[in-house]
C-alpha atoms as a PDB file:
ATOM      1  CA  MET A   1       0.272 -44.512 -62.897  1.00  0.00           C
ATOM      2  CA  ALA A   2       2.406 -41.389 -63.266  1.00  0.00           C
ATOM      3  CA  THR A   3       6.034 -41.791 -64.213  1.00  0.00           C
ATOM      4  CA  ALA A   4       8.782 -39.199 -64.283  1.00  0.00           C
ATOM      5  CA  GLU A   5       8.539 -39.037 -68.070  1.00  0.00           C
ATOM      6  CA  SER A   6       4.784 -38.332 -68.028  1.00  0.00           C
ATOM      7  CA  SER A   7       5.001 -35.778 -65.239  1.00  0.00           C
ATOM      8  CA  GLU A   8       3.662 -32.462 -66.453  1.00  0.00           C
ATOM      9  CA  THR A   9       2.570 -29.232 -64.836  1.00  0.00           C
ATOM     10  CA  ASN A  10      -0.877 -27.821 -65.491  1.00  0.00           C
ATOM     11  CA  GLN A  11      -2.464 -24.580 -64.365  1.00  0.00           C
ATOM     12  CA  TYR A  12      -5.760 -24.497 -62.494  1.00  0.00           C
ATOM     13  CA  LEU A  13      -8.043 -21.630 -61.585  1.00  0.00           C
ATOM     14  CA  THR A  14      -8.988 -22.154 -57.942  1.00  0.00           C
ATOM     15  CA  PHE A  15     -12.295 -21.019 -56.514  1.00  0.00           C
ATOM     16  CA  ASN A  16     -14.398 -21.463 -53.386  1.00  0.00           C
ATOM     17  CA  LEU A  17     -17.737 -23.179 -52.956  1.00  0.00           C
ATOM     18  CA  ASP A  18     -19.105 -23.374 -49.430  1.00  0.00           C
ATOM     19  CA  GLY A  19     -15.641 -23.214 -47.848  1.00  0.00           C
ATOM     20  CA  GLU A  20     -14.089 -25.866 -50.108  1.00  0.00           C
ATOM     21  CA  VAL A  21     -11.438 -25.121 -52.737  1.00  0.00           C
ATOM     22  CA  PHE A  22     -12.029 -26.402 -56.268  1.00  0.00           C
ATOM     23  CA  GLY A  23      -9.880 -26.163 -59.371  1.00  0.00           C
ATOM     24  CA  LEU A  24     -10.648 -25.929 -63.086  1.00  0.00           C
ATOM     25  CA  ALA A  25      -8.055 -26.451 -65.802  1.00  0.00           C
ATOM     26  CA  ILE A  26      -7.163 -22.945 -66.965  1.00  0.00           C
ATOM     27  CA  LEU A  27      -7.487 -24.087 -70.586  1.00  0.00           C
ATOM     28  CA  LYS A  28     -11.245 -24.580 -69.960  1.00  0.00           C
ATOM     29  CA  VAL A  29     -11.716 -21.062 -68.524  1.00  0.00           C
ATOM     30  CA  ARG A  30     -12.515 -18.171 -70.853  1.00  0.00           C
ATOM     31  CA  GLU A  31     -12.913 -15.407 -68.277  1.00  0.00           C
ATOM     32  CA  VAL A  32     -14.187 -14.507 -64.828  1.00  0.00           C
ATOM     33  CA  LEU A  33     -17.031 -11.996 -64.485  1.00  0.00           C
ATOM     34  CA  ASP A  34     -18.400 -10.089 -61.538  1.00  0.00           C
ATOM     35  CA  PHE A  35     -21.832 -11.301 -60.502  1.00  0.00           C
ATOM     36  CA  THR A  36     -24.427  -9.800 -62.828  1.00  0.00           C
ATOM     37  CA  SER A  37     -28.158  -9.966 -63.338  1.00  0.00           C
ATOM     38  CA  ILE A  38     -29.289 -13.479 -64.301  1.00  0.00           C
ATOM     39  CA  THR A  39     -32.540 -14.042 -66.199  1.00  0.00           C
ATOM     40  CA  ARG A  40     -34.360 -17.124 -64.895  1.00  0.00           C
ATOM     41  CA  VAL A  41     -35.469 -19.678 -67.487  1.00  0.00           C
ATOM     42  CA  PRO A  42     -38.762 -21.477 -66.714  1.00  0.00           C
ATOM     43  CA  GLN A  43     -38.882 -25.274 -66.463  1.00  0.00           C
ATOM     44  CA  THR A  44     -35.137 -25.806 -66.086  1.00  0.00           C
ATOM     45  CA  PRO A  45     -33.405 -27.654 -63.250  1.00  0.00           C
ATOM     46  CA  ALA A  46     -32.874 -25.646 -60.030  1.00  0.00           C
ATOM     47  CA  TYR A  47     -29.083 -25.617 -60.528  1.00  0.00           C
ATOM     48  CA  MET A  48     -29.571 -23.778 -63.827  1.00  0.00           C
ATOM     49  CA  ARG A  49     -29.934 -20.291 -62.407  1.00  0.00           C
ATOM     50  CA  GLY A  50     -30.705 -18.741 -65.793  1.00  0.00           C
ATOM     51  CA  VAL A  51     -28.879 -16.955 -68.577  1.00  0.00           C
ATOM     52  CA  ILE A  52     -26.772 -13.828 -68.972  1.00  0.00           C
ATOM     53  CA  ASN A  53     -26.035 -11.632 -71.956  1.00  0.00           C
ATOM     54  CA  LEU A  54     -22.314 -11.869 -72.664  1.00  0.00           C
ATOM     55  CA  ARG A  55     -21.475  -9.408 -75.424  1.00  0.00           C
ATOM     56  CA  GLY A  56     -24.620 -10.332 -77.350  1.00  0.00           C
ATOM     57  CA  SER A  57     -24.487 -14.087 -76.699  1.00  0.00           C
ATOM     58  CA  VAL A  58     -26.879 -15.970 -74.430  1.00  0.00           C
ATOM     59  CA  VAL A  59     -24.805 -17.871 -71.854  1.00  0.00           C
ATOM     60  CA  PRO A  60     -26.445 -20.295 -69.381  1.00  0.00           C
ATOM     61  CA  VAL A  61     -25.329 -19.927 -65.760  1.00  0.00           C
ATOM     62  CA  MET A  62     -25.146 -22.965 -63.495  1.00  0.00           C
ATOM     63  CA  ASP A  63     -24.999 -22.943 -59.716  1.00  0.00           C
ATOM     64  CA  LEU A  64     -22.295 -25.477 -58.868  1.00  0.00           C
ATOM     65  CA  ARG A  65     -23.316 -25.383 -55.205  1.00  0.00           C
ATOM     66  CA  LEU A  66     -26.788 -26.690 -56.108  1.00  0.00           C
ATOM     67  CA  LYS A  67     -25.323 -29.226 -58.535  1.00  0.00           C
ATOM     68  CA  PHE A  68     -23.145 -30.534 -55.707  1.00  0.00           C
ATOM     69  CA  ASN A  69     -26.062 -30.644 -53.214  1.00  0.00           C
ATOM     70  CA  MET A  70     -24.937 -27.572 -51.272  1.00  0.00           C
ATOM     71  CA  ALA A  71     -26.982 -24.478 -50.381  1.00  0.00           C
ATOM     72  CA  GLN A  72     -27.750 -22.070 -53.237  1.00  0.00           C
ATOM     73  CA  THR A  73     -25.043 -19.497 -54.022  1.00  0.00           C
ATOM     74  CA  GLU A  74     -25.833 -16.146 -52.420  1.00  0.00           C
ATOM     75  CA  LYS A  75     -24.808 -12.869 -54.040  1.00  0.00           C
ATOM     76  CA  LYS A  76     -21.961 -11.431 -51.983  1.00  0.00           C
ATOM     77  CA  VAL A  77     -19.107  -9.045 -52.703  1.00  0.00           C
ATOM     78  CA  ASN A  78     -16.822 -11.791 -54.128  1.00  0.00           C
ATOM     79  CA  THR A  79     -19.469 -13.882 -55.901  1.00  0.00           C
ATOM     80  CA  CYS A  80     -18.505 -14.318 -59.534  1.00  0.00           C
ATOM     81  CA  ILE A  81     -19.317 -16.198 -62.718  1.00  0.00           C
ATOM     82  CA  ILE A  82     -16.602 -18.330 -64.283  1.00  0.00           C
ATOM     83  CA  ILE A  83     -17.155 -18.528 -68.036  1.00  0.00           C
ATOM     84  CA  THR A  84     -16.001 -21.944 -69.175  1.00  0.00           C
ATOM     85  CA  GLU A  85     -16.088 -24.208 -72.208  1.00  0.00           C
ATOM     86  CA  VAL A  86     -17.633 -27.656 -71.837  1.00  0.00           C
ATOM     87  CA  GLU A  87     -17.442 -30.361 -74.473  1.00  0.00           C
ATOM     88  CA  LEU A  88     -20.753 -31.964 -75.403  1.00  0.00           C
ATOM     89  CA  ASN A  89     -20.743 -34.638 -78.110  1.00  0.00           C
ATOM     90  CA  GLY A  90     -17.640 -33.131 -79.704  1.00  0.00           C
ATOM     91  CA  GLU A  91     -19.068 -29.591 -79.638  1.00  0.00           C
ATOM     92  CA  LEU A  92     -17.921 -26.781 -77.328  1.00  0.00           C
ATOM     93  CA  VAL A  93     -20.669 -25.242 -75.198  1.00  0.00           C
ATOM     94  CA  VAL A  94     -19.990 -21.981 -73.340  1.00  0.00           C
ATOM     95  CA  LEU A  95     -21.539 -21.734 -69.903  1.00  0.00           C
ATOM     96  CA  GLY A  96     -21.120 -19.825 -66.687  1.00  0.00           C
ATOM     97  CA  ALA A  97     -20.516 -21.386 -63.295  1.00  0.00           C
ATOM     98  CA  LEU A  98     -21.303 -19.470 -60.118  1.00  0.00           C
ATOM     99  CA  ALA A  99     -18.556 -19.430 -57.500  1.00  0.00           C
ATOM    100  CA  ASP A 100     -18.412 -17.875 -54.028  1.00  0.00           C
ATOM    101  CA  SER A 101     -15.033 -16.385 -54.940  1.00  0.00           C
ATOM    102  CA  VAL A 102     -12.056 -16.959 -57.206  1.00  0.00           C
ATOM    103  CA  GLN A 103      -8.700 -17.385 -55.504  1.00  0.00           C
ATOM    104  CA  GLU A 104      -5.732 -17.738 -57.822  1.00  0.00           C
ATOM    105  CA  VAL A 105      -4.165 -19.699 -60.638  1.00  0.00           C
ATOM    106  CA  VAL A 106      -1.956 -22.477 -59.290  1.00  0.00           C
ATOM    107  CA  ASP A 107       0.531 -24.783 -60.974  1.00  0.00           C
ATOM    108  CA  LEU A 108       0.091 -28.434 -60.088  1.00  0.00           C
ATOM    109  CA  ASP A 109       2.455 -31.120 -61.257  1.00  0.00           C
ATOM    110  CA  SER A 110       0.741 -34.408 -62.118  1.00  0.00           C
ATOM    111  CA  SER A 111       2.566 -35.951 -59.127  1.00  0.00           C
ATOM    112  CA  GLN A 112       0.666 -33.497 -56.870  1.00  0.00           C
ATOM    113  CA  ILE A 113      -2.717 -34.820 -58.011  1.00  0.00           C
ATOM    114  CA  GLU A 114      -3.991 -38.049 -56.510  1.00  0.00           C
ATOM    115  CA  PRO A 115      -6.874 -40.072 -57.990  1.00  0.00           C
ATOM    116  CA  PRO A 116     -10.356 -39.144 -56.780  1.00  0.00           C
ATOM    117  CA  PRO A 117     -11.434 -40.879 -53.600  1.00  0.00           C
ATOM    118  CA  HIS A 118     -13.714 -43.892 -53.840  1.00  0.00           C
ATOM    119  CA  MET A 119     -16.762 -43.063 -51.762  1.00  0.00           C
ATOM    120  CA  GLY A 120     -18.920 -46.099 -52.366  1.00  0.00           C
ATOM    121  CA  THR A 121     -21.389 -46.864 -55.100  1.00  0.00           C
ATOM    122  CA  ARG A 122     -24.061 -44.280 -54.205  1.00  0.00           C
ATOM    123  CA  LEU A 123     -21.927 -41.155 -54.568  1.00  0.00           C
ATOM    124  CA  ARG A 124     -20.943 -39.811 -57.982  1.00  0.00           C
ATOM    125  CA  THR A 125     -17.296 -38.792 -58.203  1.00  0.00           C
ATOM    126  CA  GLU A 126     -16.638 -39.231 -61.934  1.00  0.00           C
ATOM    127  CA  PHE A 127     -16.553 -35.440 -62.331  1.00  0.00           C
ATOM    128  CA  ILE A 128     -13.563 -35.206 -59.970  1.00  0.00           C
ATOM    129  CA  LYS A 129     -10.251 -35.495 -61.839  1.00  0.00           C
ATOM    130  CA  GLY A 130      -8.353 -35.786 -58.621  1.00  0.00           C
ATOM    131  CA  MET A 131      -7.290 -34.238 -55.349  1.00  0.00           C
ATOM    132  CA  GLY A 132      -4.518 -31.695 -55.824  1.00  0.00           C
ATOM    133  CA  LYS A 133      -2.080 -31.178 -52.972  1.00  0.00           C
ATOM    134  CA  HIS A 134      -1.229 -27.486 -52.609  1.00  0.00           C
ATOM    135  CA  GLY A 135       0.734 -26.651 -49.490  1.00  0.00           C
ATOM    136  CA  GLU A 136      -1.133 -28.082 -46.517  1.00  0.00           C
ATOM    137  CA  SER A 137      -4.528 -28.137 -48.238  1.00  0.00           C
ATOM    138  CA  PHE A 138      -6.367 -30.006 -50.966  1.00  0.00           C
ATOM    139  CA  ILE A 139      -7.863 -28.677 -54.177  1.00  0.00           C
ATOM    140  CA  ILE A 140     -10.741 -30.690 -55.628  1.00  0.00           C
ATOM    141  CA  VAL A 141      -9.799 -30.740 -59.318  1.00  0.00           C
ATOM    142  CA  LEU A 142     -12.948 -30.876 -61.440  1.00  0.00           C
ATOM    143  CA  ASP A 143     -13.398 -32.391 -64.868  1.00  0.00           C
ATOM    144  CA  ILE A 144     -15.850 -29.714 -66.061  1.00  0.00           C
ATOM    145  CA  ASP A 145     -16.781 -31.829 -69.088  1.00  0.00           C
ATOM    146  CA  ARG A 146     -18.218 -34.419 -66.674  1.00  0.00           C
ATOM    147  CA  VAL A 147     -19.813 -32.136 -64.071  1.00  0.00           C
ATOM    148  CA  PHE A 148     -22.907 -31.797 -66.234  1.00  0.00           C
ATOM    149  CA  SER A 149     -24.407 -34.789 -67.992  1.00  0.00           C
ATOM    150  CA  SER A 150     -25.405 -34.782 -71.645  1.00  0.00           C
ATOM    151  CA  GLU A 151     -29.029 -34.439 -70.500  1.00  0.00           C
ATOM    152  CA  ASP A 152     -28.137 -31.377 -68.376  1.00  0.00           C
ATOM    153  CA  LEU A 153     -26.410 -29.668 -71.265  1.00  0.00           C
ATOM    154  CA  ALA A 154     -29.133 -30.656 -73.725  1.00  0.00           C
ATOM    155  CA  SER A 155     -31.719 -28.894 -71.528  1.00  0.00           C
ATOM    156  CA  VAL A 156     -29.434 -25.858 -71.435  1.00  0.00           C
ATOM    157  CA  GLN A 157     -29.101 -25.817 -75.213  1.00  0.00           C
ATOM    158  CA  ALA A 158     -32.878 -26.192 -75.607  1.00  0.00           C
ATOM    159  CA  ALA A 159     -33.502 -23.262 -73.247  1.00  0.00           C
ATOM    160  CA  ALA A 160     -30.938 -20.887 -74.774  1.00  0.00           C
ATOM    161  CA  PRO A 161     -32.755 -20.368 -78.121  1.00  0.00           C
ATOM    162  CA  GLN A 162     -35.966 -19.579 -76.220  1.00  0.00           C
ATOM    163  CA  MET A 163     -34.154 -16.800 -74.384  1.00  0.00           C
ATOM    164  CA  ALA A 164     -32.518 -15.457 -77.535  1.00  0.00           C
ATOM    165  CA  ASP A 165     -35.928 -15.019 -79.202  1.00  0.00           C
ATOM    166  CA  PRO A 166     -38.180 -13.141 -76.756  1.00  0.00           C
ATOM    167  CA  ALA A 167     -41.348 -13.702 -78.817  1.00  0.00           C
END
């Protein structure tokens, strides 16, 4: 329960997925890239669209729309890749997340973020930090460290070395 003493303001990068507004803690975001060519990696989950070359590093790119059971992200004028850092077993993993468009960085006080909704036992919501109230709309605040499971990220890490060594 938030008290006045624990009230703090955090910044979130807001972006669109299928008409909904999501937010990522700005401290987890490295940069935002224009959509670029993605190399598909065989035998990976559908939401792993492939990898990109980011200044000599192999970076996996995930399609958040597919991860959230939406239609696949289409390349449009505002489609972008958000480069983020995800913690896996105490180690930081850099990955890209496809977004329909990036909006802005917003400040949300902890009092503006309500707990995630309880949607029953069949729907997973543990990756939602909360629902941010911004003006008259809501921002679905993601916990990017929980969006992908350890198994998801392990398959990403296993695929990345294969792409780095084109033997």
